[in-house]
Amino acid sequence: MRASQFKEFEATSLYCPRCKAAVPVRKKLLLVLPEGDEYEYLCVYCSSSVGTKTDKNAPQIELILKP
């Protein structure tokens, strides 16, 4: 069997419906969820949201509670 060549993709440009073109994007942390961190991709020109991604390889969060 062939091993996977890519573990995870990272978007550098996506289509922006407001700019009507493929544009570079910024990745912004949106939510920290139990199943992974959710990121939002924003257009660098108009700051419109052009996509989201959930990173399932994020490290687990440990909570320390004081009595």
C-alpha atoms as a PDB file:
ATOM      1  CA  MET A   1       0.000   0.000   0.000  1.00  0.00           C
ATOM      2  CA  ARG A   2       1.086   3.546  -0.696  1.00  0.00           C
ATOM      3  CA  ALA A   3       1.739   5.814   2.227  1.00  0.00           C
ATOM      4  CA  SER A   4      -0.071   9.125   2.250  1.00  0.00           C
ATOM      5  CA  GLN A   5       2.095  11.881   0.780  1.00  0.00           C
ATOM      6  CA  PHE A   6       0.335  14.676   2.633  1.00  0.00           C
ATOM      7  CA  LYS A   7      -0.717  14.679   6.262  1.00  0.00           C
ATOM      8  CA  GLU A   8      -2.533  18.006   6.110  1.00  0.00           C
ATOM      9  CA  PHE A   9      -3.135  20.810   3.608  1.00  0.00           C
ATOM     10  CA  GLU A  10      -2.697  24.489   4.402  1.00  0.00           C
ATOM     11  CA  ALA A  11      -4.521  27.004   2.171  1.00  0.00           C
ATOM     12  CA  THR A  12      -2.487  29.937   0.881  1.00  0.00           C
ATOM     13  CA  SER A  13      -5.080  31.328  -1.528  1.00  0.00           C
ATOM     14  CA  LEU A  14      -8.821  30.771  -1.939  1.00  0.00           C
ATOM     15  CA  TYR A  15     -11.611  32.233  -4.071  1.00  0.00           C
ATOM     16  CA  CYS A  16     -13.187  35.352  -2.559  1.00  0.00           C
ATOM     17  CA  PRO A  17     -16.775  35.976  -3.720  1.00  0.00           C
ATOM     18  CA  ARG A  18     -16.533  39.676  -2.849  1.00  0.00           C
ATOM     19  CA  CYS A  19     -13.275  40.270  -4.802  1.00  0.00           C
ATOM     20  CA  LYS A  20     -14.317  37.734  -7.468  1.00  0.00           C
ATOM     21  CA  ALA A  21     -10.811  36.246  -7.677  1.00  0.00           C
ATOM     22  CA  ALA A  22      -8.451  33.814  -6.011  1.00  0.00           C
ATOM     23  CA  VAL A  23      -6.718  35.816  -3.284  1.00  0.00           C
ATOM     24  CA  PRO A  24      -4.142  35.197  -0.549  1.00  0.00           C
ATOM     25  CA  VAL A  25      -5.707  34.368   2.812  1.00  0.00           C
ATOM     26  CA  ARG A  26      -4.964  34.794   6.508  1.00  0.00           C
ATOM     27  CA  LYS A  27      -5.703  32.009   8.976  1.00  0.00           C
ATOM     28  CA  LYS A  28      -7.429  33.084  12.217  1.00  0.00           C
ATOM     29  CA  LEU A  29      -8.239  30.869  15.219  1.00  0.00           C
ATOM     30  CA  LEU A  30     -12.006  30.863  15.567  1.00  0.00           C
ATOM     31  CA  LEU A  31     -12.889  28.215  18.187  1.00  0.00           C
ATOM     32  CA  VAL A  32     -11.157  25.718  20.457  1.00  0.00           C
ATOM     33  CA  LEU A  33     -13.317  22.586  20.391  1.00  0.00           C
ATOM     34  CA  PRO A  34     -12.903  19.169  22.031  1.00  0.00           C
ATOM     35  CA  GLU A  35     -12.492  17.576  18.581  1.00  0.00           C
ATOM     36  CA  GLY A  36      -9.910  20.139  17.423  1.00  0.00           C
ATOM     37  CA  ASP A  37      -9.244  23.803  16.750  1.00  0.00           C
ATOM     38  CA  GLU A  38     -11.424  25.547  14.172  1.00  0.00           C
ATOM     39  CA  TYR A  39      -9.784  28.180  11.969  1.00  0.00           C
ATOM     40  CA  GLU A  40     -11.311  30.730   9.615  1.00  0.00           C
ATOM     41  CA  TYR A  41      -9.654  31.857   6.382  1.00  0.00           C
ATOM     42  CA  LEU A  42      -9.989  35.583   5.622  1.00  0.00           C
ATOM     43  CA  CYS A  43      -9.315  37.448   2.375  1.00  0.00           C
ATOM     44  CA  VAL A  44      -6.255  39.708   2.821  1.00  0.00           C
ATOM     45  CA  TYR A  45      -7.841  42.489   0.721  1.00  0.00           C
ATOM     46  CA  CYS A  46     -11.421  42.788   2.042  1.00  0.00           C
ATOM     47  CA  SER A  47     -11.314  40.563   5.195  1.00  0.00           C
ATOM     48  CA  SER A  48     -14.295  38.498   4.022  1.00  0.00           C
ATOM     49  CA  SER A  49     -14.567  34.952   5.351  1.00  0.00           C
ATOM     50  CA  VAL A  50     -13.693  32.561   2.517  1.00  0.00           C
ATOM     51  CA  GLY A  51     -13.565  29.242   4.383  1.00  0.00           C
ATOM     52  CA  THR A  52     -13.002  27.307   7.598  1.00  0.00           C
ATOM     53  CA  LYS A  53     -10.877  24.376   8.671  1.00  0.00           C
ATOM     54  CA  THR A  54     -10.892  22.109  11.735  1.00  0.00           C
ATOM     55  CA  ASP A  55      -7.442  20.963  12.870  1.00  0.00           C
ATOM     56  CA  LYS A  56      -8.011  17.547  14.424  1.00  0.00           C
ATOM     57  CA  ASN A  57      -4.309  17.174  15.304  1.00  0.00           C
ATOM     58  CA  ALA A  58      -4.411  19.972  17.871  1.00  0.00           C
ATOM     59  CA  PRO A  59      -2.970  19.096  21.278  1.00  0.00           C
ATOM     60  CA  GLN A  60      -5.473  18.180  23.981  1.00  0.00           C
ATOM     61  CA  ILE A  61      -6.303  20.880  26.506  1.00  0.00           C
ATOM     62  CA  GLU A  62      -5.795  19.966  30.140  1.00  0.00           C
ATOM     63  CA  LEU A  63      -7.845  21.782  32.740  1.00  0.00           C
ATOM     64  CA  ILE A  64      -6.452  22.274  36.213  1.00  0.00           C
ATOM     65  CA  LEU A  65      -9.093  23.057  38.800  1.00  0.00           C
ATOM     66  CA  LYS A  66      -8.253  24.422  42.225  1.00  0.00           C
ATOM     67  CA  PRO A  67     -10.332  23.055  45.121  1.00  0.00           C
END
